[in-house]
Amino acid sequence: MLTRDEGKECPPPSEAVLLLGSNQGRRVRRIRDAVDRLSRETELLAVSRMYASEPFGRSRQPWFLNL
């Protein structure tokens, strides 16, 4: 990865949309940790509210939390 701190040019900025979700363990914490880690390496322009969704195709698993 190129950084300005190393005296090298950075690649041009890019925008991306990431969808995060978890249905295992401490779901809220997992998602918050993922957002925190991403924010250390990149600029986050926006983060949506968390919402729950029913698992698709398998009814015997916990609901998902998503961003």
C-alpha atoms as a PDB file:
ATOM      1  CA  MET A   1       0.000   0.000   0.000  1.00  0.00           C
ATOM      2  CA  LEU A   2       1.410   3.359  -0.932  1.00  0.00           C
ATOM      3  CA  THR A   3       1.230   6.175   1.598  1.00  0.00           C
ATOM      4  CA  ARG A   4       2.252   9.795   1.584  1.00  0.00           C
ATOM      5  CA  ASP A   5       4.242   9.197   4.774  1.00  0.00           C
ATOM      6  CA  GLU A   6       6.625   6.926   2.879  1.00  0.00           C
ATOM      7  CA  GLY A   7       7.286   9.633   0.304  1.00  0.00           C
ATOM      8  CA  LYS A   8       5.488   7.727  -2.436  1.00  0.00           C
ATOM      9  CA  GLU A   9       2.448   8.731  -4.411  1.00  0.00           C
ATOM     10  CA  CYS A  10      -0.904   7.360  -3.377  1.00  0.00           C
ATOM     11  CA  PRO A  11      -3.220   5.820  -5.928  1.00  0.00           C
ATOM     12  CA  PRO A  12      -6.210   7.985  -6.835  1.00  0.00           C
ATOM     13  CA  PRO A  13      -9.072   7.800  -4.330  1.00  0.00           C
ATOM     14  CA  SER A  14     -11.872   5.342  -5.029  1.00  0.00           C
ATOM     15  CA  GLU A  15     -15.347   5.061  -3.617  1.00  0.00           C
ATOM     16  CA  ALA A  16     -16.855   1.738  -2.618  1.00  0.00           C
ATOM     17  CA  VAL A  17     -19.998   0.514  -0.917  1.00  0.00           C
ATOM     18  CA  LEU A  18     -19.491  -2.218   1.677  1.00  0.00           C
ATOM     19  CA  LEU A  19     -22.270  -4.301   3.166  1.00  0.00           C
ATOM     20  CA  LEU A  20     -21.493  -5.751   6.580  1.00  0.00           C
ATOM     21  CA  GLY A  21     -23.493  -8.307   8.518  1.00  0.00           C
ATOM     22  CA  SER A  22     -23.218 -10.869  11.287  1.00  0.00           C
ATOM     23  CA  ASN A  23     -25.447 -13.495  12.833  1.00  0.00           C
ATOM     24  CA  GLN A  24     -22.931 -15.120  15.158  1.00  0.00           C
ATOM     25  CA  GLY A  25     -21.771 -14.277  18.662  1.00  0.00           C
ATOM     26  CA  ARG A  26     -21.733 -10.649  19.728  1.00  0.00           C
ATOM     27  CA  ARG A  27     -23.180  -9.288  16.509  1.00  0.00           C
ATOM     28  CA  VAL A  28     -23.221  -5.590  17.396  1.00  0.00           C
ATOM     29  CA  ARG A  29     -19.650  -5.700  18.654  1.00  0.00           C
ATOM     30  CA  ARG A  30     -18.408  -7.574  15.585  1.00  0.00           C
ATOM     31  CA  ILE A  31     -19.902  -4.991  13.240  1.00  0.00           C
ATOM     32  CA  ARG A  32     -18.691  -2.024  15.308  1.00  0.00           C
ATOM     33  CA  ASP A  33     -15.185  -3.511  15.428  1.00  0.00           C
ATOM     34  CA  ALA A  34     -15.226  -3.958  11.644  1.00  0.00           C
ATOM     35  CA  VAL A  35     -16.252  -0.333  11.111  1.00  0.00           C
ATOM     36  CA  ASP A  36     -13.571   0.817  13.554  1.00  0.00           C
ATOM     37  CA  ARG A  37     -10.860  -1.165  11.743  1.00  0.00           C
ATOM     38  CA  LEU A  38     -11.976   0.126   8.359  1.00  0.00           C
ATOM     39  CA  SER A  39     -11.924   3.714   9.628  1.00  0.00           C
ATOM     40  CA  ARG A  40      -8.262   3.337  10.642  1.00  0.00           C
ATOM     41  CA  GLU A  41      -7.250   2.515   7.068  1.00  0.00           C
ATOM     42  CA  THR A  42      -9.638   4.588   4.984  1.00  0.00           C
ATOM     43  CA  GLU A  43     -11.963   7.560   5.106  1.00  0.00           C
ATOM     44  CA  LEU A  44     -15.551   6.530   5.752  1.00  0.00           C
ATOM     45  CA  LEU A  45     -17.954   8.904   4.049  1.00  0.00           C
ATOM     46  CA  ALA A  46     -21.081   7.479   5.674  1.00  0.00           C
ATOM     47  CA  VAL A  47     -22.245   4.579   7.832  1.00  0.00           C
ATOM     48  CA  SER A  48     -25.862   3.456   7.826  1.00  0.00           C
ATOM     49  CA  ARG A  49     -27.940   2.501  10.816  1.00  0.00           C
ATOM     50  CA  MET A  50     -27.851  -1.106  11.925  1.00  0.00           C
ATOM     51  CA  TYR A  51     -30.898  -3.220  11.123  1.00  0.00           C
ATOM     52  CA  ALA A  52     -31.988  -6.831  11.652  1.00  0.00           C
ATOM     53  CA  SER A  53     -32.959  -9.222   8.895  1.00  0.00           C
ATOM     54  CA  GLU A  54     -34.319 -12.732   8.872  1.00  0.00           C
ATOM     55  CA  PRO A  55     -31.978 -15.416   7.533  1.00  0.00           C
ATOM     56  CA  PHE A  56     -32.848 -16.498   4.011  1.00  0.00           C
ATOM     57  CA  GLY A  57     -33.187 -20.181   3.180  1.00  0.00           C
ATOM     58  CA  ARG A  58     -32.391 -21.458   6.664  1.00  0.00           C
ATOM     59  CA  SER A  59     -34.841 -20.766   9.443  1.00  0.00           C
ATOM     60  CA  ARG A  60     -32.867 -22.351  12.251  1.00  0.00           C
ATOM     61  CA  GLN A  61     -30.189 -19.725  12.642  1.00  0.00           C
ATOM     62  CA  PRO A  62     -30.041 -16.361  14.397  1.00  0.00           C
ATOM     63  CA  TRP A  63     -31.239 -13.221  12.645  1.00  0.00           C
ATOM     64  CA  PHE A  64     -28.607 -11.087  10.957  1.00  0.00           C
ATOM     65  CA  LEU A  65     -27.610  -7.592  11.974  1.00  0.00           C
ATOM     66  CA  ASN A  66     -26.563  -5.549   8.959  1.00  0.00           C
ATOM     67  CA  LEU A  67     -25.126  -2.181   7.973  1.00  0.00           C
END
